[in-house]
PDB file of N, CA and C in Angstrom:
ATOM      1  N   MET A   1     -24.300   4.033 -19.378  1.00  0.00           N
ATOM      2  CA  MET A   1     -23.180   3.179 -19.541  1.00  0.00           C
ATOM      3  C   MET A   1     -22.095   4.059 -19.760  1.00  0.00           C
ATOM      4  N   LYS A   2     -20.942   3.964 -19.746  1.00  0.00           N
ATOM      5  CA  LYS A   2     -19.839   4.933 -20.312  1.00  0.00           C
ATOM      6  C   LYS A   2     -18.531   4.130 -20.382  1.00  0.00           C
ATOM      7  N   VAL A   3     -17.646   4.410 -20.925  1.00  0.00           N
ATOM      8  CA  VAL A   3     -16.180   3.897 -21.212  1.00  0.00           C
ATOM      9  C   VAL A   3     -15.575   4.429 -19.660  1.00  0.00           C
ATOM     10  N   SER A   4     -15.077   3.772 -18.839  1.00  0.00           N
ATOM     11  CA  SER A   4     -14.481   3.971 -17.457  1.00  0.00           C
ATOM     12  C   SER A   4     -12.707   4.258 -17.585  1.00  0.00           C
ATOM     13  N   THR A   5     -12.234   5.245 -17.186  1.00  0.00           N
ATOM     14  CA  THR A   5     -10.883   5.479 -17.039  1.00  0.00           C
ATOM     15  C   THR A   5     -10.864   6.238 -15.756  1.00  0.00           C
ATOM     16  N   LYS A   6      -9.353   6.188 -15.427  1.00  0.00           N
ATOM     17  CA  LYS A   6      -8.888   6.971 -14.311  1.00  0.00           C
ATOM     18  C   LYS A   6      -9.443   8.576 -14.403  1.00  0.00           C
ATOM     19  N   ILE A   7      -9.264   9.030 -15.513  1.00  0.00           N
ATOM     20  CA  ILE A   7      -9.794  10.502 -15.908  1.00  0.00           C
ATOM     21  C   ILE A   7     -11.179  10.687 -15.639  1.00  0.00           C
ATOM     22  N   ASN A   8     -12.378   9.836 -15.880  1.00  0.00           N
ATOM     23  CA  ASN A   8     -13.536  10.390 -15.560  1.00  0.00           C
ATOM     24  C   ASN A   8     -14.146   9.531 -14.346  1.00  0.00           C
ATOM     25  N   SER A   9     -13.215   8.644 -13.574  1.00  0.00           N
ATOM     26  CA  SER A   9     -13.569   7.976 -12.306  1.00  0.00           C
ATOM     27  C   SER A   9     -13.568   8.752 -11.162  1.00  0.00           C
ATOM     28  N   GLU A  10     -14.298   8.258 -10.116  1.00  0.00           N
ATOM     29  CA  GLU A  10     -14.177   8.768  -8.667  1.00  0.00           C
ATOM     30  C   GLU A  10     -12.916   8.588  -8.262  1.00  0.00           C
ATOM     31  N   HIS A  11     -12.388   9.715  -7.675  1.00  0.00           N
ATOM     32  CA  HIS A  11     -10.801   9.482  -7.063  1.00  0.00           C
ATOM     33  C   HIS A  11     -10.922   9.312  -5.440  1.00  0.00           C
ATOM     34  N   TYR A  12      -9.776   8.629  -5.191  1.00  0.00           N
ATOM     35  CA  TYR A  12      -9.684   8.786  -3.531  1.00  0.00           C
ATOM     36  C   TYR A  12      -8.428   8.467  -3.095  1.00  0.00           C
ATOM     37  N   ASN A  13      -7.833   8.957  -2.106  1.00  0.00           N
ATOM     38  CA  ASN A  13      -6.707   8.702  -1.445  1.00  0.00           C
ATOM     39  C   ASN A  13      -6.541   7.610  -0.340  1.00  0.00           C
ATOM     40  N   TRP A  14      -5.610   6.693  -0.286  1.00  0.00           N
ATOM     41  CA  TRP A  14      -5.836   5.877   0.989  1.00  0.00           C
ATOM     42  C   TRP A  14      -4.302   5.777   1.569  1.00  0.00           C
ATOM     43  N   GLY A  15      -4.003   5.225   2.630  1.00  0.00           N
ATOM     44  CA  GLY A  15      -2.635   5.129   3.311  1.00  0.00           C
ATOM     45  C   GLY A  15      -1.908   6.496   3.247  1.00  0.00           C
ATOM     46  N   GLU A  16      -0.718   6.508   3.135  1.00  0.00           N
ATOM     47  CA  GLU A  16       0.208   7.617   2.945  1.00  0.00           C
ATOM     48  C   GLU A  16       0.616   7.649   1.570  1.00  0.00           C
ATOM     49  N   GLY A  17      -0.054   8.202   0.591  1.00  0.00           N
ATOM     50  CA  GLY A  17       0.173   8.345  -0.799  1.00  0.00           C
ATOM     51  C   GLY A  17      -0.185   7.419  -1.730  1.00  0.00           C
ATOM     52  N   CYS A  18      -1.136   6.625  -1.722  1.00  0.00           N
ATOM     53  CA  CYS A  18      -1.749   5.807  -2.429  1.00  0.00           C
ATOM     54  C   CYS A  18      -2.800   6.361  -2.911  1.00  0.00           C
ATOM     55  N   ASP A  19      -3.569   5.953  -4.154  1.00  0.00           N
ATOM     56  CA  ASP A  19      -4.561   6.296  -4.567  1.00  0.00           C
ATOM     57  C   ASP A  19      -5.538   5.179  -4.948  1.00  0.00           C
ATOM     58  N   GLY A  20      -6.667   5.608  -5.614  1.00  0.00           N
ATOM     59  CA  GLY A  20      -7.524   4.453  -5.902  1.00  0.00           C
ATOM     60  C   GLY A  20      -8.602   5.294  -7.082  1.00  0.00           C
ATOM     61  N   TRP A  21      -9.172   4.801  -7.958  1.00  0.00           N
ATOM     62  CA  TRP A  21     -10.134   5.284  -8.648  1.00  0.00           C
ATOM     63  C   TRP A  21     -11.387   3.974  -9.033  1.00  0.00           C
ATOM     64  N   HIS A  22     -12.670   4.556  -8.888  1.00  0.00           N
ATOM     65  CA  HIS A  22     -13.953   3.680  -8.776  1.00  0.00           C
ATOM     66  C   HIS A  22     -14.215   3.689 -10.265  1.00  0.00           C
ATOM     67  N   LEU A  23     -13.693   2.515 -10.796  1.00  0.00           N
ATOM     68  CA  LEU A  23     -14.076   2.462 -12.387  1.00  0.00           C
ATOM     69  C   LEU A  23     -15.556   1.793 -12.361  1.00  0.00           C
ATOM     70  N   VAL A  24     -15.795   1.190 -11.335  1.00  0.00           N
ATOM     71  CA  VAL A  24     -17.214   0.498 -11.285  1.00  0.00           C
ATOM     72  C   VAL A  24     -17.834   0.573  -9.598  1.00  0.00           C
ATOM     73  N   LYS A  25     -18.908   1.267  -9.561  1.00  0.00           N
ATOM     74  CA  LYS A  25     -19.066   1.473  -7.984  1.00  0.00           C
ATOM     75  C   LYS A  25     -20.622   1.305  -8.089  1.00  0.00           C
ATOM     76  N   SER A  26     -21.283   0.158  -7.778  1.00  0.00           N
ATOM     77  CA  SER A  26     -22.493  -0.033  -7.939  1.00  0.00           C
ATOM     78  C   SER A  26     -22.702  -0.972  -6.500  1.00  0.00           C
ATOM     79  N   PRO A  27     -23.798  -1.018  -6.062  1.00  0.00           N
ATOM     80  CA  PRO A  27     -24.416  -1.705  -4.932  1.00  0.00           C
ATOM     81  C   PRO A  27     -23.950  -3.297  -4.832  1.00  0.00           C
ATOM     82  N   GLN A  28     -23.699  -4.072  -5.954  1.00  0.00           N
ATOM     83  CA  GLN A  28     -23.319  -5.321  -6.168  1.00  0.00           C
ATOM     84  C   GLN A  28     -21.865  -5.393  -6.427  1.00  0.00           C
ATOM     85  N   LEU A  29     -21.290  -4.510  -6.961  1.00  0.00           N
ATOM     86  CA  LEU A  29     -20.156  -4.548  -7.832  1.00  0.00           C
ATOM     87  C   LEU A  29     -19.120  -3.460  -7.491  1.00  0.00           C
ATOM     88  N   SER A  30     -17.521  -3.528  -7.050  1.00  0.00           N
ATOM     89  CA  SER A  30     -16.651  -2.757  -7.314  1.00  0.00           C
ATOM     90  C   SER A  30     -15.733  -2.825  -7.861  1.00  0.00           C
ATOM     91  N   VAL A  31     -15.263  -2.239  -8.626  1.00  0.00           N
ATOM     92  CA  VAL A  31     -13.808  -2.420  -9.478  1.00  0.00           C
ATOM     93  C   VAL A  31     -13.292  -1.294  -9.466  1.00  0.00           C
ATOM     94  N   ILE A  32     -11.869  -1.124  -8.592  1.00  0.00           N
ATOM     95  CA  ILE A  32     -11.070   0.087  -8.237  1.00  0.00           C
ATOM     96  C   ILE A  32      -9.709  -0.168  -9.193  1.00  0.00           C
ATOM     97  N   GLN A  33      -9.118   0.651  -9.771  1.00  0.00           N
ATOM     98  CA  GLN A  33      -7.571   0.658  -9.973  1.00  0.00           C
ATOM     99  C   GLN A  33      -7.064   1.521  -8.674  1.00  0.00           C
ATOM    100  N   GLU A  34      -6.092   0.684  -8.450  1.00  0.00           N
ATOM    101  CA  GLU A  34      -5.134   1.554  -7.343  1.00  0.00           C
ATOM    102  C   GLU A  34      -3.816   1.613  -7.665  1.00  0.00           C
ATOM    103  N   ARG A  35      -3.025   2.697  -7.337  1.00  0.00           N
ATOM    104  CA  ARG A  35      -1.757   2.868  -7.226  1.00  0.00           C
ATOM    105  C   ARG A  35      -0.852   3.041  -5.928  1.00  0.00           C
ATOM    106  N   VAL A  36       0.220   2.099  -5.668  1.00  0.00           N
ATOM    107  CA  VAL A  36       0.979   1.928  -4.754  1.00  0.00           C
ATOM    108  C   VAL A  36       2.499   2.371  -4.785  1.00  0.00           C
ATOM    109  N   PRO A  37       2.688   3.425  -4.498  1.00  0.00           N
ATOM    110  CA  PRO A  37       4.081   3.841  -4.548  1.00  0.00           C
ATOM    111  C   PRO A  37       5.403   2.644  -3.721  1.00  0.00           C
ATOM    112  N   VAL A  38       6.468   2.384  -4.284  1.00  0.00           N
ATOM    113  CA  VAL A  38       7.344   1.675  -3.734  1.00  0.00           C
ATOM    114  C   VAL A  38       7.380   1.955  -2.079  1.00  0.00           C
ATOM    115  N   GLY A  39       7.648   0.782  -1.522  1.00  0.00           N
ATOM    116  CA  GLY A  39       7.741   0.873   0.011  1.00  0.00           C
ATOM    117  C   GLY A  39       6.367   0.994   0.640  1.00  0.00           C
ATOM    118  N   LEU A  40       5.234   1.293   0.106  1.00  0.00           N
ATOM    119  CA  LEU A  40       4.064   1.436   0.818  1.00  0.00           C
ATOM    120  C   LEU A  40       3.109   0.170   0.871  1.00  0.00           C
ATOM    121  N   CYS A  41       2.403   0.019   1.759  1.00  0.00           N
ATOM    122  CA  CYS A  41       1.452  -0.900   2.014  1.00  0.00           C
ATOM    123  C   CYS A  41       0.148  -0.719   2.524  1.00  0.00           C
ATOM    124  N   GLU A  42      -0.756  -1.652   2.697  1.00  0.00           N
ATOM    125  CA  GLU A  42      -2.229  -1.253   3.508  1.00  0.00           C
ATOM    126  C   GLU A  42      -2.002  -2.102   4.588  1.00  0.00           C
ATOM    127  N   VAL A  43      -2.790  -1.952   5.879  1.00  0.00           N
ATOM    128  CA  VAL A  43      -2.570  -2.728   6.890  1.00  0.00           C
ATOM    129  C   VAL A  43      -3.610  -4.055   6.840  1.00  0.00           C
ATOM    130  N   THR A  44      -2.975  -5.165   7.544  1.00  0.00           N
ATOM    131  CA  THR A  44      -3.470  -6.627   7.456  1.00  0.00           C
ATOM    132  C   THR A  44      -5.238  -6.333   7.985  1.00  0.00           C
ATOM    133  N   HIS A  45      -5.963  -6.820   7.086  1.00  0.00           N
ATOM    134  CA  HIS A  45      -7.467  -6.923   7.555  1.00  0.00           C
ATOM    135  C   HIS A  45      -8.136  -7.906   6.593  1.00  0.00           C
ATOM    136  N   TYR A  46      -9.367  -8.140   6.978  1.00  0.00           N
ATOM    137  CA  TYR A  46     -10.417  -8.808   6.175  1.00  0.00           C
ATOM    138  C   TYR A  46     -11.769  -8.582   5.956  1.00  0.00           C
ATOM    139  N   HIS A  47     -12.660  -8.998   5.158  1.00  0.00           N
ATOM    140  CA  HIS A  47     -13.679  -8.190   4.858  1.00  0.00           C
ATOM    141  C   HIS A  47     -14.862  -9.460   4.993  1.00  0.00           C
ATOM    142  N   GLU A  48     -15.657  -9.012   5.787  1.00  0.00           N
ATOM    143  CA  GLU A  48     -16.797 -10.213   6.435  1.00  0.00           C
ATOM    144  C   GLU A  48     -17.972 -10.576   5.286  1.00  0.00           C
ATOM    145  N   LYS A  49     -17.748  -9.781   4.278  1.00  0.00           N
ATOM    146  CA  LYS A  49     -18.934 -10.149   3.395  1.00  0.00           C
ATOM    147  C   LYS A  49     -18.149 -10.324   1.799  1.00  0.00           C
ATOM    148  N   ALA A  50     -17.225  -9.051   1.797  1.00  0.00           N
ATOM    149  CA  ALA A  50     -16.616  -9.114   0.329  1.00  0.00           C
ATOM    150  C   ALA A  50     -15.656 -10.163  -0.035  1.00  0.00           C
ATOM    151  N   GLU A  51     -15.564 -10.556  -1.348  1.00  0.00           N
ATOM    152  CA  GLU A  51     -14.702 -11.259  -1.817  1.00  0.00           C
ATOM    153  C   GLU A  51     -13.973 -10.499  -2.858  1.00  0.00           C
ATOM    154  N   GLN A  52     -12.671 -10.692  -3.021  1.00  0.00           N
ATOM    155  CA  GLN A  52     -11.631  -9.829  -3.571  1.00  0.00           C
ATOM    156  C   GLN A  52     -11.087 -10.489  -4.656  1.00  0.00           C
ATOM    157  N   PHE A  53     -10.670  -9.891  -6.103  1.00  0.00           N
ATOM    158  CA  PHE A  53      -9.862 -10.391  -6.798  1.00  0.00           C
ATOM    159  C   PHE A  53      -8.736  -9.178  -7.219  1.00  0.00           C
ATOM    160  N   PHE A  54      -7.651  -9.637  -6.626  1.00  0.00           N
ATOM    161  CA  PHE A  54      -6.489  -8.391  -7.266  1.00  0.00           C
ATOM    162  C   PHE A  54      -5.749  -9.078  -8.366  1.00  0.00           C
ATOM    163  N   PHE A  55      -5.688  -8.029  -9.516  1.00  0.00           N
ATOM    164  CA  PHE A  55      -4.980  -8.291 -10.334  1.00  0.00           C
ATOM    165  C   PHE A  55      -4.012  -7.210 -11.243  1.00  0.00           C
ATOM    166  N   VAL A  56      -2.613  -7.633 -11.012  1.00  0.00           N
ATOM    167  CA  VAL A  56      -1.744  -6.561 -11.245  1.00  0.00           C
ATOM    168  C   VAL A  56      -1.358  -6.004 -12.751  1.00  0.00           C
ATOM    169  N   LEU A  57      -1.245  -4.771 -12.910  1.00  0.00           N
ATOM    170  CA  LEU A  57      -1.189  -4.350 -14.314  1.00  0.00           C
ATOM    171  C   LEU A  57       0.284  -3.847 -14.416  1.00  0.00           C
ATOM    172  N   SER A  58       0.962  -3.425 -13.500  1.00  0.00           N
ATOM    173  CA  SER A  58       2.271  -3.040 -13.639  1.00  0.00           C
ATOM    174  C   SER A  58       3.126  -3.103 -12.274  1.00  0.00           C
ATOM    175  N   GLY A  59       4.340  -3.272 -12.003  1.00  0.00           N
ATOM    176  CA  GLY A  59       4.960  -3.421 -10.844  1.00  0.00           C
ATOM    177  C   GLY A  59       4.654  -4.920 -10.271  1.00  0.00           C
ATOM    178  N   VAL A  60       5.190  -5.050  -9.059  1.00  0.00           N
ATOM    179  CA  VAL A  60       5.038  -6.445  -8.422  1.00  0.00           C
ATOM    180  C   VAL A  60       4.376  -6.371  -7.010  1.00  0.00           C
ATOM    181  N   ALA A  61       3.283  -6.903  -6.716  1.00  0.00           N
ATOM    182  CA  ALA A  61       2.596  -6.706  -5.746  1.00  0.00           C
ATOM    183  C   ALA A  61       3.133  -8.045  -4.725  1.00  0.00           C
ATOM    184  N   THR A  62       3.081  -8.004  -3.507  1.00  0.00           N
ATOM    185  CA  THR A  62       3.380  -8.855  -2.334  1.00  0.00           C
ATOM    186  C   THR A  62       1.857  -8.930  -1.615  1.00  0.00           C
ATOM    187  N   LEU A  63       1.354 -10.029  -1.720  1.00  0.00           N
ATOM    188  CA  LEU A  63      -0.012 -10.022  -1.021  1.00  0.00           C
ATOM    189  C   LEU A  63       0.072 -11.545  -0.190  1.00  0.00           C
ATOM    190  N   ILE A  64      -0.123 -10.858   1.141  1.00  0.00           N
ATOM    191  CA  ILE A  64       0.256 -11.750   2.306  1.00  0.00           C
ATOM    192  C   ILE A  64      -1.373 -11.938   2.509  1.00  0.00           C
ATOM    193  N   VAL A  65      -1.566 -13.212   2.586  1.00  0.00           N
ATOM    194  CA  VAL A  65      -2.844 -14.020   2.915  1.00  0.00           C
ATOM    195  C   VAL A  65      -2.891 -15.140   3.696  1.00  0.00           C
ATOM    196  N   GLU A  66      -3.503 -14.897   4.829  1.00  0.00           N
ATOM    197  CA  GLU A  66      -3.430 -15.836   5.828  1.00  0.00           C
ATOM    198  C   GLU A  66      -2.084 -16.032   6.439  1.00  0.00           C
ATOM    199  N   GLY A  67      -1.161 -15.066   6.230  1.00  0.00           N
ATOM    200  CA  GLY A  67       0.341 -14.990   6.777  1.00  0.00           C
ATOM    201  C   GLY A  67       1.335 -15.626   5.549  1.00  0.00           C
ATOM    202  N   LYS A  68       0.692 -16.185   4.541  1.00  0.00           N
ATOM    203  CA  LYS A  68       1.718 -16.714   3.566  1.00  0.00           C
ATOM    204  C   LYS A  68       1.641 -15.600   2.504  1.00  0.00           C
ATOM    205  N   ALA A  69       2.889 -15.235   2.012  1.00  0.00           N
ATOM    206  CA  ALA A  69       3.300 -14.120   1.154  1.00  0.00           C
ATOM    207  C   ALA A  69       3.267 -14.665  -0.462  1.00  0.00           C
ATOM    208  N   HIS A  70       2.520 -14.212  -1.384  1.00  0.00           N
ATOM    209  CA  HIS A  70       2.201 -14.483  -2.748  1.00  0.00           C
ATOM    210  C   HIS A  70       2.982 -13.048  -3.435  1.00  0.00           C
ATOM    211  N   SER A  71       3.601 -13.324  -4.402  1.00  0.00           N
ATOM    212  CA  SER A  71       4.326 -12.598  -5.436  1.00  0.00           C
ATOM    213  C   SER A  71       3.308 -12.363  -6.511  1.00  0.00           C
ATOM    214  N   LEU A  72       2.817 -11.460  -7.029  1.00  0.00           N
ATOM    215  CA  LEU A  72       2.159 -11.300  -8.149  1.00  0.00           C
ATOM    216  C   LEU A  72       2.483 -10.476  -9.184  1.00  0.00           C
ATOM    217  N   ASN A  73       2.938 -10.838 -10.410  1.00  0.00           N
ATOM    218  CA  ASN A  73       4.012 -10.179 -11.476  1.00  0.00           C
ATOM    219  C   ASN A  73       2.548  -9.667 -12.324  1.00  0.00           C
ATOM    220  N   PRO A  74       2.777  -8.524 -13.304  1.00  0.00           N
ATOM    221  CA  PRO A  74       1.890  -8.045 -14.095  1.00  0.00           C
ATOM    222  C   PRO A  74       1.331  -9.443 -14.843  1.00  0.00           C
ATOM    223  N   THR A  75      -0.080  -9.317 -15.105  1.00  0.00           N
ATOM    224  CA  THR A  75      -1.238  -9.986 -15.768  1.00  0.00           C
ATOM    225  C   THR A  75      -1.239 -11.324 -14.940  1.00  0.00           C
ATOM    226  N   GLU A  76      -1.009 -10.928 -13.586  1.00  0.00           N
ATOM    227  CA  GLU A  76      -1.304 -12.255 -12.459  1.00  0.00           C
ATOM    228  C   GLU A  76      -2.201 -11.769 -11.568  1.00  0.00           C
ATOM    229  N   GLY A  77      -3.113 -12.722 -10.935  1.00  0.00           N
ATOM    230  CA  GLY A  77      -4.498 -12.232 -10.323  1.00  0.00           C
ATOM    231  C   GLY A  77      -4.283 -13.308  -9.093  1.00  0.00           C
ATOM    232  N   PHE A  78      -4.955 -12.920  -7.894  1.00  0.00           N
ATOM    233  CA  PHE A  78      -5.340 -13.542  -6.408  1.00  0.00           C
ATOM    234  C   PHE A  78      -6.734 -13.426  -6.098  1.00  0.00           C
ATOM    235  N   HIS A  79      -7.200 -14.348  -5.768  1.00  0.00           N
ATOM    236  CA  HIS A  79      -8.719 -14.398  -5.388  1.00  0.00           C
ATOM    237  C   HIS A  79      -8.490 -14.637  -3.826  1.00  0.00           C
ATOM    238  N   VAL A  80      -9.123 -13.449  -3.244  1.00  0.00           N
ATOM    239  CA  VAL A  80      -9.187 -13.509  -1.415  1.00  0.00           C
ATOM    240  C   VAL A  80     -10.702 -13.737  -1.286  1.00  0.00           C
ATOM    241  N   LYS A  81     -11.148 -14.830  -0.480  1.00  0.00           N
ATOM    242  CA  LYS A  81     -12.277 -15.068  -0.354  1.00  0.00           C
ATOM    243  C   LYS A  81     -12.581 -14.146   1.117  1.00  0.00           C
ATOM    244  N   ALA A  82     -13.967 -14.038   1.396  1.00  0.00           N
ATOM    245  CA  ALA A  82     -14.364 -13.224   2.439  1.00  0.00           C
ATOM    246  C   ALA A  82     -13.765 -13.939   3.946  1.00  0.00           C
ATOM    247  N   ASN A  83     -13.662 -12.948   4.880  1.00  0.00           N
ATOM    248  CA  ASN A  83     -12.980 -13.566   6.145  1.00  0.00           C
ATOM    249  C   ASN A  83     -11.651 -14.294   6.155  1.00  0.00           C
ATOM    250  N   THR A  84     -11.047 -13.704   4.991  1.00  0.00           N
ATOM    251  CA  THR A  84      -9.762 -13.979   4.709  1.00  0.00           C
ATOM    252  C   THR A  84      -8.791 -12.973   5.137  1.00  0.00           C
ATOM    253  N   THR A  85      -7.808 -13.051   6.147  1.00  0.00           N
ATOM    254  CA  THR A  85      -6.623 -11.737   6.412  1.00  0.00           C
ATOM    255  C   THR A  85      -5.854 -11.811   5.086  1.00  0.00           C
ATOM    256  N   HIS A  86      -5.806 -10.557   4.938  1.00  0.00           N
ATOM    257  CA  HIS A  86      -4.895  -9.961   3.708  1.00  0.00           C
ATOM    258  C   HIS A  86      -4.404  -8.785   3.958  1.00  0.00           C
ATOM    259  N   GLN A  87      -2.943  -8.754   3.463  1.00  0.00           N
ATOM    260  CA  GLN A  87      -2.394  -7.523   3.209  1.00  0.00           C
ATOM    261  C   GLN A  87      -1.764  -7.116   1.888  1.00  0.00           C
ATOM    262  N   LEU A  88      -1.854  -6.001   1.333  1.00  0.00           N
ATOM    263  CA  LEU A  88      -1.146  -5.910  -0.023  1.00  0.00           C
ATOM    264  C   LEU A  88       0.297  -4.784   0.318  1.00  0.00           C
ATOM    265  N   LYS A  89       1.375  -5.225  -0.070  1.00  0.00           N
ATOM    266  CA  LYS A  89       2.657  -4.627   0.103  1.00  0.00           C
ATOM    267  C   LYS A  89       3.061  -4.231  -1.418  1.00  0.00           C
ATOM    268  N   ASN A  90       4.163  -3.281  -1.483  1.00  0.00           N
ATOM    269  CA  ASN A  90       4.735  -2.992  -2.540  1.00  0.00           C
ATOM    270  C   ASN A  90       6.269  -2.671  -2.211  1.00  0.00           C
ATOM    271  N   ASP A  91       6.803  -4.202  -2.405  1.00  0.00           N
ATOM    272  CA  ASP A  91       7.993  -4.524  -1.920  1.00  0.00           C
ATOM    273  C   ASP A  91       8.999  -4.276  -3.096  1.00  0.00           C
ATOM    274  N   GLY A  92       8.398  -3.745  -4.363  1.00  0.00           N
ATOM    275  CA  GLY A  92       9.262  -3.773  -5.456  1.00  0.00           C
ATOM    276  C   GLY A  92       9.915  -2.464  -5.570  1.00  0.00           C
ATOM    277  N   ASP A  93      10.724  -2.564  -6.730  1.00  0.00           N
ATOM    278  CA  ASP A  93      11.645  -1.078  -7.243  1.00  0.00           C
ATOM    279  C   ASP A  93      10.964  -0.288  -8.256  1.00  0.00           C
ATOM    280  N   GLN A  94       9.467  -0.497  -8.317  1.00  0.00           N
ATOM    281  CA  GLN A  94       8.711   0.359  -8.998  1.00  0.00           C
ATOM    282  C   GLN A  94       7.188   0.453  -8.600  1.00  0.00           C
ATOM    283  N   GLU A  95       6.725   1.620  -8.894  1.00  0.00           N
ATOM    284  CA  GLU A  95       4.992   1.724  -8.573  1.00  0.00           C
ATOM    285  C   GLU A  95       4.466   0.523  -9.054  1.00  0.00           C
ATOM    286  N   LEU A  96       3.565   0.146  -8.051  1.00  0.00           N
ATOM    287  CA  LEU A  96       2.486  -1.129  -8.274  1.00  0.00           C
ATOM    288  C   LEU A  96       1.069  -0.347  -8.753  1.00  0.00           C
ATOM    289  N   VAL A  97       0.720  -0.864  -9.880  1.00  0.00           N
ATOM    290  CA  VAL A  97      -0.781  -0.724 -10.170  1.00  0.00           C
ATOM    291  C   VAL A  97      -1.374  -1.772 -10.484  1.00  0.00           C
ATOM    292  N   PHE A  98      -2.781  -1.892  -9.889  1.00  0.00           N
ATOM    293  CA  PHE A  98      -3.665  -3.216  -9.949  1.00  0.00           C
ATOM    294  C   PHE A  98      -4.928  -2.767  -9.902  1.00  0.00           C
ATOM    295  N   ILE A  99      -5.780  -3.763 -10.375  1.00  0.00           N
ATOM    296  CA  ILE A  99      -7.325  -3.524 -10.303  1.00  0.00           C
ATOM    297  C   ILE A  99      -7.347  -4.630  -9.131  1.00  0.00           C
ATOM    298  N   VAL A 100      -8.381  -3.952  -8.239  1.00  0.00           N
ATOM    299  CA  VAL A 100      -9.232  -4.929  -7.347  1.00  0.00           C
ATOM    300  C   VAL A 100     -10.734  -4.847  -7.384  1.00  0.00           C
ATOM    301  N   THR A 101     -11.218  -6.120  -7.808  1.00  0.00           N
ATOM    302  CA  THR A 101     -12.625  -6.158  -7.901  1.00  0.00           C
ATOM    303  C   THR A 101     -13.048  -6.932  -6.748  1.00  0.00           C
ATOM    304  N   SER A 102     -14.574  -6.522  -6.109  1.00  0.00           N
ATOM    305  CA  SER A 102     -15.115  -6.912  -5.111  1.00  0.00           C
ATOM    306  C   SER A 102     -16.349  -7.023  -5.053  1.00  0.00           C
ATOM    307  N   THR A 103     -16.899  -8.000  -4.651  1.00  0.00           N
ATOM    308  CA  THR A 103     -18.443  -8.488  -4.706  1.00  0.00           C
ATOM    309  C   THR A 103     -18.787  -9.013  -3.534  1.00  0.00           C
ATOM    310  N   PRO A 104     -19.724  -8.392  -2.438  1.00  0.00           N
ATOM    311  CA  PRO A 104     -20.430  -7.327  -2.761  1.00  0.00           C
ATOM    312  C   PRO A 104     -19.026  -6.176  -2.530  1.00  0.00           C
ATOM    313  N   PRO A 105     -19.439  -4.722  -2.781  1.00  0.00           N
ATOM    314  CA  PRO A 105     -18.129  -3.827  -2.376  1.00  0.00           C
ATOM    315  C   PRO A 105     -17.497  -3.973  -1.033  1.00  0.00           C
ATOM    316  N   SER A 106     -16.392  -3.598  -0.706  1.00  0.00           N
ATOM    317  CA  SER A 106     -15.634  -3.843   0.141  1.00  0.00           C
ATOM    318  C   SER A 106     -15.837  -2.665   0.794  1.00  0.00           C
ATOM    319  N   HIS A 107     -16.027  -1.484   0.584  1.00  0.00           N
ATOM    320  CA  HIS A 107     -16.048  -0.183   1.656  1.00  0.00           C
ATOM    321  C   HIS A 107     -17.081  -0.366   2.665  1.00  0.00           C
ATOM    322  N   GLY A 108     -16.675  -0.243   3.601  1.00  0.00           N
ATOM    323  CA  GLY A 108     -17.635  -0.247   5.006  1.00  0.00           C
ATOM    324  C   GLY A 108     -17.606  -1.745   5.314  1.00  0.00           C
ATOM    325  N   ASP A 109     -16.771  -2.613   4.856  1.00  0.00           N
ATOM    326  CA  ASP A 109     -16.879  -4.063   5.222  1.00  0.00           C
ATOM    327  C   ASP A 109     -15.518  -4.516   5.783  1.00  0.00           C
ATOM    328  N   ARG A 110     -14.716  -3.541   6.177  1.00  0.00           N
ATOM    329  CA  ARG A 110     -13.439  -3.632   6.406  1.00  0.00           C
ATOM    330  C   ARG A 110     -12.954  -3.854   7.824  1.00  0.00           C
ATOM    331  N   VAL A 111     -12.634  -4.898   8.146  1.00  0.00           N
ATOM    332  CA  VAL A 111     -12.281  -5.150   9.767  1.00  0.00           C
ATOM    333  C   VAL A 111     -10.788  -5.384   9.990  1.00  0.00           C
ATOM    334  N   GLU A 112      -9.782  -4.489  10.668  1.00  0.00           N
ATOM    335  CA  GLU A 112      -8.397  -4.500  10.709  1.00  0.00           C
ATOM    336  C   GLU A 112      -8.287  -5.726  11.818  1.00  0.00           C
ATOM    337  N   ALA A 113      -7.162  -6.539  11.298  1.00  0.00           N
ATOM    338  CA  ALA A 113      -6.931  -7.738  11.960  1.00  0.00           C
ATOM    339  C   ALA A 113      -6.000  -7.683  13.138  1.00  0.00           C
ATOM    340  N   ARG A 114      -6.235  -8.221  14.112  1.00  0.00           N
ATOM    341  CA  ARG A 114      -5.489  -8.031  15.432  1.00  0.00           C
ATOM    342  C   ARG A 114      -4.337  -8.611  15.361  1.00  0.00           C
ATOM    343  N   ALA A 115      -3.238  -7.811  15.739  1.00  0.00           N
ATOM    344  CA  ALA A 115      -1.778  -8.398  15.721  1.00  0.00           C
ATOM    345  C   ALA A 115      -1.532  -9.285  16.806  1.00  0.00           C
TER     346      ALA A 115
END
């Protein structure tokens, strides 16, 4: 066991300029800190098995769930159940930093939604 930080956690890039750090990476649980620059977003998708909880640390997230936009400010979170389309965007004027917790882990369980 260890104290987890961005500095000692596995890092990856996603999208065009976004970052993720695996704070917890086990077969049952994933906890990731992510950074999204202003104006960037992920594609609309869903997870067949994983449910997720998004929790904003700084900035403002726009989380579109089943077509409905939700604005998440620092210290606010949102639970997204499995098989639910969603898209996270940074429409704000500052970098977005958030934690996403997934159980089971969502990597390899992502299906892009059809337009």
